[in-house]
Amino acid sequence: MRAAGWKALANDPDSIVAAPVSIAQAAGVDPVRCFIALALPADVEAVLARARETLMSEPWADLVRWVPDENLHVTLHFLGELPVERLAGVAPLLRETAQDLSPPACSLDRVTAFPSPTRARVVVTELRETDPAHPLQHGVARLGDALAALGIPGERRRFRPHVTLGRVRRPPLRGARVELALTETRFTFRELVLLRSELRPDGARYTALETVRLD
């Protein structure tokens, strides 16, 4: 069953939604720690949840803080902590990006770890674009340029589309190889989201500040 919260409107064919209140109201704090992400379809979440359950039977599973279903997503750009007035400029940029970006088609590749399967810091599922023209890669690059024009630094690392399943509590994870084959699952992203991130002792909590449908 789909989790409530910031994903409640994702995959609704009638949802072309902005934040129900102003960004300043929704954020509640200033500055705001936030990032831009793609929401996952519910059926893909279910596949990833099963993969995570399999991994949680491994001897090293207790050394990992696992990401709950409601927090699974694909990060496009981490924006850091932004003043609310600067954050307000990101929302229209999100809508412009959605107009230029065809819904990205991807497939689940495999479960592995960054920086490597034998020195895990982050357990991830990598994604593979099914379009050889790589529109998602190009769209993320254009989004980074647009953010830079607003004075918001982009990601320095090369974009590798993935979903984080867990983070090693005291990295790196030694004496284990993180690797799991997945049945090919093809899907299309439909929601581009600006998310506020609150770091809490029991894990991160996300709040959608702006959600735009990709058509």
C-alpha atoms as a PDB file:
ATOM      1  CA  MET A   1       0.000   0.000   0.000  1.00  0.00           C
ATOM      2  CA  ARG A   2       1.278   3.453  -0.836  1.00  0.00           C
ATOM      3  CA  ALA A   3       2.530   5.436   2.106  1.00  0.00           C
ATOM      4  CA  ALA A   4       0.848   8.656   3.098  1.00  0.00           C
ATOM      5  CA  GLY A   5       2.744  11.908   3.328  1.00  0.00           C
ATOM      6  CA  TRP A   6       4.627  13.641   0.529  1.00  0.00           C
ATOM      7  CA  LYS A   7       3.863  10.819  -1.938  1.00  0.00           C
ATOM      8  CA  ALA A   8       0.129  10.772  -1.358  1.00  0.00           C
ATOM      9  CA  LEU A   9      -0.550  12.528  -4.675  1.00  0.00           C
ATOM     10  CA  ALA A  10       2.100  10.767  -6.732  1.00  0.00           C
ATOM     11  CA  ASN A  11       0.766   8.563  -9.553  1.00  0.00           C
ATOM     12  CA  ASP A  12      -2.657  10.250  -9.416  1.00  0.00           C
ATOM     13  CA  PRO A  13      -3.441  10.858 -13.092  1.00  0.00           C
ATOM     14  CA  ASP A  14      -5.388  13.998 -12.186  1.00  0.00           C
ATOM     15  CA  SER A  15      -2.641  15.568 -10.089  1.00  0.00           C
ATOM     16  CA  ILE A  16      -0.893  18.581 -11.513  1.00  0.00           C
ATOM     17  CA  VAL A  17      -0.265  20.083  -8.124  1.00  0.00           C
ATOM     18  CA  ALA A  18       1.626  22.887  -6.527  1.00  0.00           C
ATOM     19  CA  ALA A  19       2.128  23.117  -2.775  1.00  0.00           C
ATOM     20  CA  PRO A  20      -1.262  23.534  -1.051  1.00  0.00           C
ATOM     21  CA  VAL A  21       0.166  26.450   0.885  1.00  0.00           C
ATOM     22  CA  SER A  22       2.960  28.887   0.161  1.00  0.00           C
ATOM     23  CA  ILE A  23       6.532  27.609   0.287  1.00  0.00           C
ATOM     24  CA  ALA A  24       7.198  29.898   3.238  1.00  0.00           C
ATOM     25  CA  GLN A  25       4.280  28.349   5.155  1.00  0.00           C
ATOM     26  CA  ALA A  26       5.107  24.796   4.154  1.00  0.00           C
ATOM     27  CA  ALA A  27       8.773  25.156   4.995  1.00  0.00           C
ATOM     28  CA  GLY A  28       8.056  26.502   8.458  1.00  0.00           C
ATOM     29  CA  VAL A  29      11.721  27.360   8.960  1.00  0.00           C
ATOM     30  CA  ASP A  30      14.280  29.595   7.324  1.00  0.00           C
ATOM     31  CA  PRO A  31      16.663  28.493   5.855  1.00  0.00           C
ATOM     32  CA  VAL A  32      15.235  25.277   4.390  1.00  0.00           C
ATOM     33  CA  ARG A  33      17.234  22.104   3.735  1.00  0.00           C
ATOM     34  CA  CYS A  34      15.863  20.800   0.465  1.00  0.00           C
ATOM     35  CA  PHE A  35      16.409  18.893  -2.765  1.00  0.00           C
ATOM     36  CA  ILE A  36      14.752  18.134  -6.110  1.00  0.00           C
ATOM     37  CA  ALA A  37      13.711  14.548  -6.763  1.00  0.00           C
ATOM     38  CA  LEU A  38      11.658  12.184  -8.871  1.00  0.00           C
ATOM     39  CA  ALA A  39       8.907  10.244  -7.110  1.00  0.00           C
ATOM     40  CA  LEU A  40       8.782   6.516  -7.773  1.00  0.00           C
ATOM     41  CA  PRO A  41       5.695   4.710  -9.083  1.00  0.00           C
ATOM     42  CA  ALA A  42       4.042   2.534  -6.444  1.00  0.00           C
ATOM     43  CA  ASP A  43       4.773  -0.735  -8.250  1.00  0.00           C
ATOM     44  CA  VAL A  44       8.483   0.113  -8.404  1.00  0.00           C
ATOM     45  CA  GLU A  45       8.473   0.915  -4.690  1.00  0.00           C
ATOM     46  CA  ALA A  46       7.037  -2.544  -4.086  1.00  0.00           C
ATOM     47  CA  VAL A  47       9.883  -4.195  -6.032  1.00  0.00           C
ATOM     48  CA  LEU A  48      12.460  -2.187  -4.083  1.00  0.00           C
ATOM     49  CA  ALA A  49      10.783  -3.000  -0.769  1.00  0.00           C
ATOM     50  CA  ARG A  50      11.092  -6.717  -1.549  1.00  0.00           C
ATOM     51  CA  ALA A  51      14.756  -6.270  -2.470  1.00  0.00           C
ATOM     52  CA  ARG A  52      15.375  -4.438   0.790  1.00  0.00           C
ATOM     53  CA  GLU A  53      13.681  -7.240   2.739  1.00  0.00           C
ATOM     54  CA  THR A  54      16.006  -9.746   1.075  1.00  0.00           C
ATOM     55  CA  LEU A  55      19.048  -7.672   2.010  1.00  0.00           C
ATOM     56  CA  MET A  56      17.837  -7.336   5.586  1.00  0.00           C
ATOM     57  CA  SER A  57      18.389 -11.082   6.022  1.00  0.00           C
ATOM     58  CA  GLU A  58      22.125 -10.651   5.392  1.00  0.00           C
ATOM     59  CA  PRO A  59      24.513 -10.952   8.388  1.00  0.00           C
ATOM     60  CA  TRP A  60      25.547  -7.301   7.990  1.00  0.00           C
ATOM     61  CA  ALA A  61      22.008  -5.905   7.771  1.00  0.00           C
ATOM     62  CA  ASP A  62      22.031  -4.457  11.309  1.00  0.00           C
ATOM     63  CA  LEU A  63      24.987  -2.277  10.334  1.00  0.00           C
ATOM     64  CA  VAL A  64      22.791  -0.386   7.865  1.00  0.00           C
ATOM     65  CA  ARG A  65      20.121   2.247   8.509  1.00  0.00           C
ATOM     66  CA  TRP A  66      17.437   1.241   6.018  1.00  0.00           C
ATOM     67  CA  VAL A  67      15.292   3.768   4.187  1.00  0.00           C
ATOM     68  CA  PRO A  68      11.530   3.299   4.724  1.00  0.00           C
ATOM     69  CA  ASP A  69       9.197   2.971   1.734  1.00  0.00           C
ATOM     70  CA  GLU A  70       7.819   6.487   2.117  1.00  0.00           C
ATOM     71  CA  ASN A  71      11.297   8.009   1.666  1.00  0.00           C
ATOM     72  CA  LEU A  72      12.341   6.158  -1.495  1.00  0.00           C
ATOM     73  CA  HIS A  73      13.044   8.537  -4.380  1.00  0.00           C
ATOM     74  CA  VAL A  74      15.622   9.542  -6.994  1.00  0.00           C
ATOM     75  CA  THR A  75      17.543  12.700  -6.094  1.00  0.00           C
ATOM     76  CA  LEU A  76      18.276  14.995  -9.041  1.00  0.00           C
ATOM     77  CA  HIS A  77      19.855  17.947  -7.230  1.00  0.00           C
ATOM     78  CA  PHE A  78      20.571  18.511  -3.541  1.00  0.00           C
ATOM     79  CA  LEU A  79      20.127  22.242  -2.925  1.00  0.00           C
ATOM     80  CA  GLY A  80      21.455  22.461   0.624  1.00  0.00           C
ATOM     81  CA  GLU A  81      20.016  25.028   3.020  1.00  0.00           C
ATOM     82  CA  LEU A  82      18.327  27.866   1.141  1.00  0.00           C
ATOM     83  CA  PRO A  83      16.732  31.071   2.440  1.00  0.00           C
ATOM     84  CA  VAL A  84      12.984  31.021   1.791  1.00  0.00           C
ATOM     85  CA  GLU A  85      13.188  33.969  -0.612  1.00  0.00           C
ATOM     86  CA  ARG A  86      15.670  32.081  -2.801  1.00  0.00           C
ATOM     87  CA  LEU A  87      13.658  28.876  -2.519  1.00  0.00           C
ATOM     88  CA  ALA A  88      10.644  30.705  -3.949  1.00  0.00           C
ATOM     89  CA  GLY A  89      12.552  31.025  -7.229  1.00  0.00           C
ATOM     90  CA  VAL A  90      13.001  27.263  -7.495  1.00  0.00           C
ATOM     91  CA  ALA A  91       9.283  26.468  -7.800  1.00  0.00           C
ATOM     92  CA  PRO A  92       8.753  28.159 -11.197  1.00  0.00           C
ATOM     93  CA  LEU A  93      12.017  26.627 -12.362  1.00  0.00           C
ATOM     94  CA  LEU A  94      10.591  23.222 -11.512  1.00  0.00           C
ATOM     95  CA  ARG A  95       7.545  23.888 -13.668  1.00  0.00           C
ATOM     96  CA  GLU A  96       9.727  25.062 -16.562  1.00  0.00           C
ATOM     97  CA  THR A  97      11.839  21.910 -16.266  1.00  0.00           C
ATOM     98  CA  ALA A  98       8.724  19.745 -16.336  1.00  0.00           C
ATOM     99  CA  GLN A  99       7.593  21.388 -19.582  1.00  0.00           C
ATOM    100  CA  ASP A 100      10.937  20.611 -21.259  1.00  0.00           C
ATOM    101  CA  LEU A 101      11.437  17.107 -19.846  1.00  0.00           C
ATOM    102  CA  SER A 102       9.590  14.160 -21.335  1.00  0.00           C
ATOM    103  CA  PRO A 103       8.653  11.596 -18.675  1.00  0.00           C
ATOM    104  CA  PRO A 104      11.929   9.674 -18.216  1.00  0.00           C
ATOM    105  CA  ALA A 105      11.722   5.949 -18.950  1.00  0.00           C
ATOM    106  CA  CYS A 106      14.046   3.752 -16.886  1.00  0.00           C
ATOM    107  CA  SER A 107      14.515   0.210 -15.678  1.00  0.00           C
ATOM    108  CA  LEU A 108      15.822  -1.139 -12.390  1.00  0.00           C
ATOM    109  CA  ASP A 109      19.355  -2.389 -12.953  1.00  0.00           C
ATOM    110  CA  ARG A 110      20.771  -4.035  -9.818  1.00  0.00           C
ATOM    111  CA  VAL A 111      21.333  -3.519  -6.130  1.00  0.00           C
ATOM    112  CA  THR A 112      24.904  -2.516  -5.341  1.00  0.00           C
ATOM    113  CA  ALA A 113      26.720  -0.010  -3.153  1.00  0.00           C
ATOM    114  CA  PHE A 114      28.603   3.248  -3.471  1.00  0.00           C
ATOM    115  CA  PRO A 115      31.518   3.708  -3.776  1.00  0.00           C
ATOM    116  CA  SER A 116      31.884  -0.049  -4.441  1.00  0.00           C
ATOM    117  CA  PRO A 117      30.140  -3.318  -3.507  1.00  0.00           C
ATOM    118  CA  THR A 118      33.002  -4.293  -1.173  1.00  0.00           C
ATOM    119  CA  ARG A 119      33.413  -0.903   0.555  1.00  0.00           C
ATOM    120  CA  ALA A 120      29.801   0.078   0.992  1.00  0.00           C
ATOM    121  CA  ARG A 121      28.805   3.417   2.401  1.00  0.00           C
ATOM    122  CA  VAL A 122      25.413   3.621   0.715  1.00  0.00           C
ATOM    123  CA  VAL A 123      23.297   0.669  -0.462  1.00  0.00           C
ATOM    124  CA  VAL A 124      21.559   1.593  -3.709  1.00  0.00           C
ATOM    125  CA  THR A 125      19.529   0.326  -6.620  1.00  0.00           C
ATOM    126  CA  GLU A 126      20.973   1.691  -9.844  1.00  0.00           C
ATOM    127  CA  LEU A 127      18.678   2.728 -12.673  1.00  0.00           C
ATOM    128  CA  ARG A 128      19.252   2.503 -16.397  1.00  0.00           C
ATOM    129  CA  GLU A 129      17.648   4.827 -18.925  1.00  0.00           C
ATOM    130  CA  THR A 130      15.897   2.841 -21.626  1.00  0.00           C
ATOM    131  CA  ASP A 131      16.152   5.682 -24.160  1.00  0.00           C
ATOM    132  CA  PRO A 132      19.674   5.660 -25.698  1.00  0.00           C
ATOM    133  CA  ALA A 133      19.457   9.458 -26.056  1.00  0.00           C
ATOM    134  CA  HIS A 134      19.574   9.705 -22.215  1.00  0.00           C
ATOM    135  CA  PRO A 135      16.982  12.490 -21.812  1.00  0.00           C
ATOM    136  CA  LEU A 136      17.141  12.228 -18.017  1.00  0.00           C
ATOM    137  CA  GLN A 137      20.904  12.832 -17.966  1.00  0.00           C
ATOM    138  CA  HIS A 138      20.498  15.846 -20.251  1.00  0.00           C
ATOM    139  CA  GLY A 139      17.512  17.133 -18.283  1.00  0.00           C
ATOM    140  CA  VAL A 140      19.451  16.989 -15.016  1.00  0.00           C
ATOM    141  CA  ALA A 141      22.328  18.897 -16.645  1.00  0.00           C
ATOM    142  CA  ARG A 142      19.952  21.619 -17.893  1.00  0.00           C
ATOM    143  CA  LEU A 143      18.352  21.834 -14.469  1.00  0.00           C
ATOM    144  CA  GLY A 144      21.800  22.283 -12.922  1.00  0.00           C
ATOM    145  CA  ASP A 145      22.561  25.139 -15.305  1.00  0.00           C
ATOM    146  CA  ALA A 146      19.261  26.818 -14.458  1.00  0.00           C
ATOM    147  CA  LEU A 147      19.927  26.468 -10.725  1.00  0.00           C
ATOM    148  CA  ALA A 148      23.406  27.938 -11.191  1.00  0.00           C
ATOM    149  CA  ALA A 149      21.823  30.952 -12.888  1.00  0.00           C
ATOM    150  CA  LEU A 150      19.859  31.473  -9.660  1.00  0.00           C
ATOM    151  CA  GLY A 151      23.087  31.347  -7.670  1.00  0.00           C
ATOM    152  CA  ILE A 152      22.455  27.822  -6.371  1.00  0.00           C
ATOM    153  CA  PRO A 153      25.505  25.574  -6.816  1.00  0.00           C
ATOM    154  CA  GLY A 154      24.821  22.305  -8.616  1.00  0.00           C
ATOM    155  CA  GLU A 155      26.050  18.821  -7.810  1.00  0.00           C
ATOM    156  CA  ARG A 156      29.766  18.309  -8.413  1.00  0.00           C
ATOM    157  CA  ARG A 157      29.478  14.562  -8.857  1.00  0.00           C
ATOM    158  CA  ARG A 158      28.400  12.994 -12.120  1.00  0.00           C
ATOM    159  CA  PHE A 159      24.740  12.113 -12.014  1.00  0.00           C
ATOM    160  CA  ARG A 160      24.206   8.366 -11.523  1.00  0.00           C
ATOM    161  CA  PRO A 161      20.478   7.652 -11.312  1.00  0.00           C
ATOM    162  CA  HIS A 162      19.813   5.502  -8.273  1.00  0.00           C
ATOM    163  CA  VAL A 163      17.530   4.919  -5.317  1.00  0.00           C
ATOM    164  CA  THR A 164      19.126   4.826  -1.875  1.00  0.00           C
ATOM    165  CA  LEU A 165      17.968   1.775   0.093  1.00  0.00           C
ATOM    166  CA  GLY A 166      20.163   2.238   3.153  1.00  0.00           C
ATOM    167  CA  ARG A 167      23.204   3.950   4.643  1.00  0.00           C
ATOM    168  CA  VAL A 168      25.951   2.165   6.539  1.00  0.00           C
ATOM    169  CA  ARG A 169      25.998   3.393  10.135  1.00  0.00           C
ATOM    170  CA  ARG A 170      29.796   3.330  10.462  1.00  0.00           C
ATOM    171  CA  PRO A 171      31.152   3.211   6.920  1.00  0.00           C
ATOM    172  CA  PRO A 172      32.649   1.577   5.108  1.00  0.00           C
ATOM    173  CA  LEU A 173      31.075  -1.855   5.456  1.00  0.00           C
ATOM    174  CA  ARG A 174      33.937  -4.364   5.528  1.00  0.00           C
ATOM    175  CA  GLY A 175      33.999  -8.087   4.884  1.00  0.00           C
ATOM    176  CA  ALA A 176      30.826  -8.102   2.798  1.00  0.00           C
ATOM    177  CA  ARG A 177      29.869  -7.712  -0.838  1.00  0.00           C
ATOM    178  CA  VAL A 178      26.644  -5.815  -1.496  1.00  0.00           C
ATOM    179  CA  GLU A 179      25.132  -7.119  -4.699  1.00  0.00           C
ATOM    180  CA  LEU A 180      21.711  -8.384  -5.705  1.00  0.00           C
ATOM    181  CA  ALA A 181      20.300  -9.070  -9.158  1.00  0.00           C
ATOM    182  CA  LEU A 182      16.823  -7.754  -9.912  1.00  0.00           C
ATOM    183  CA  THR A 183      14.204  -8.837 -12.402  1.00  0.00           C
ATOM    184  CA  GLU A 184      14.046  -6.197 -15.115  1.00  0.00           C
ATOM    185  CA  THR A 185      11.346  -3.684 -14.238  1.00  0.00           C
ATOM    186  CA  ARG A 186      10.617  -0.883 -16.704  1.00  0.00           C
ATOM    187  CA  PHE A 187       8.723   2.222 -15.676  1.00  0.00           C
ATOM    188  CA  THR A 188       8.225   5.916 -16.348  1.00  0.00           C
ATOM    189  CA  PHE A 189       8.636   8.767 -13.879  1.00  0.00           C
ATOM    190  CA  ARG A 190       5.591  11.026 -13.611  1.00  0.00           C
ATOM    191  CA  GLU A 191       6.305  13.399 -10.702  1.00  0.00           C
ATOM    192  CA  LEU A 192       9.026  15.999 -10.172  1.00  0.00           C
ATOM    193  CA  VAL A 193       9.144  17.174  -6.558  1.00  0.00           C
ATOM    194  CA  LEU A 194      10.808  19.881  -4.474  1.00  0.00           C
ATOM    195  CA  LEU A 195      11.280  18.353  -1.025  1.00  0.00           C
ATOM    196  CA  ARG A 196      12.134  19.784   2.350  1.00  0.00           C
ATOM    197  CA  SER A 197      14.362  17.461   4.382  1.00  0.00           C
ATOM    198  CA  GLU A 198      14.353  17.420   8.179  1.00  0.00           C
ATOM    199  CA  LEU A 199      17.058  15.332   9.819  1.00  0.00           C
ATOM    200  CA  ARG A 200      15.788  13.583  12.927  1.00  0.00           C
ATOM    201  CA  PRO A 201      17.266  10.956  15.285  1.00  0.00           C
ATOM    202  CA  ASP A 202      14.908   8.335  13.834  1.00  0.00           C
ATOM    203  CA  GLY A 203      15.707   9.275  10.225  1.00  0.00           C
ATOM    204  CA  ALA A 204      14.892  11.926   7.658  1.00  0.00           C
ATOM    205  CA  ARG A 205      11.396  13.331   7.227  1.00  0.00           C
ATOM    206  CA  TYR A 206      10.386  14.780   3.856  1.00  0.00           C
ATOM    207  CA  THR A 207       7.727  17.368   3.056  1.00  0.00           C
ATOM    208  CA  ALA A 208       6.703  18.187  -0.515  1.00  0.00           C
ATOM    209  CA  LEU A 209       6.886  21.936  -1.160  1.00  0.00           C
ATOM    210  CA  GLU A 210       6.096  21.708  -4.871  1.00  0.00           C
ATOM    211  CA  THR A 211       4.989  18.758  -7.015  1.00  0.00           C
ATOM    212  CA  VAL A 212       4.756  18.967 -10.791  1.00  0.00           C
ATOM    213  CA  ARG A 213       3.480  16.272 -13.122  1.00  0.00           C
ATOM    214  CA  LEU A 214       5.569  15.210 -16.088  1.00  0.00           C
ATOM    215  CA  ASP A 215       3.459  14.759 -19.229  1.00  0.00           C
END
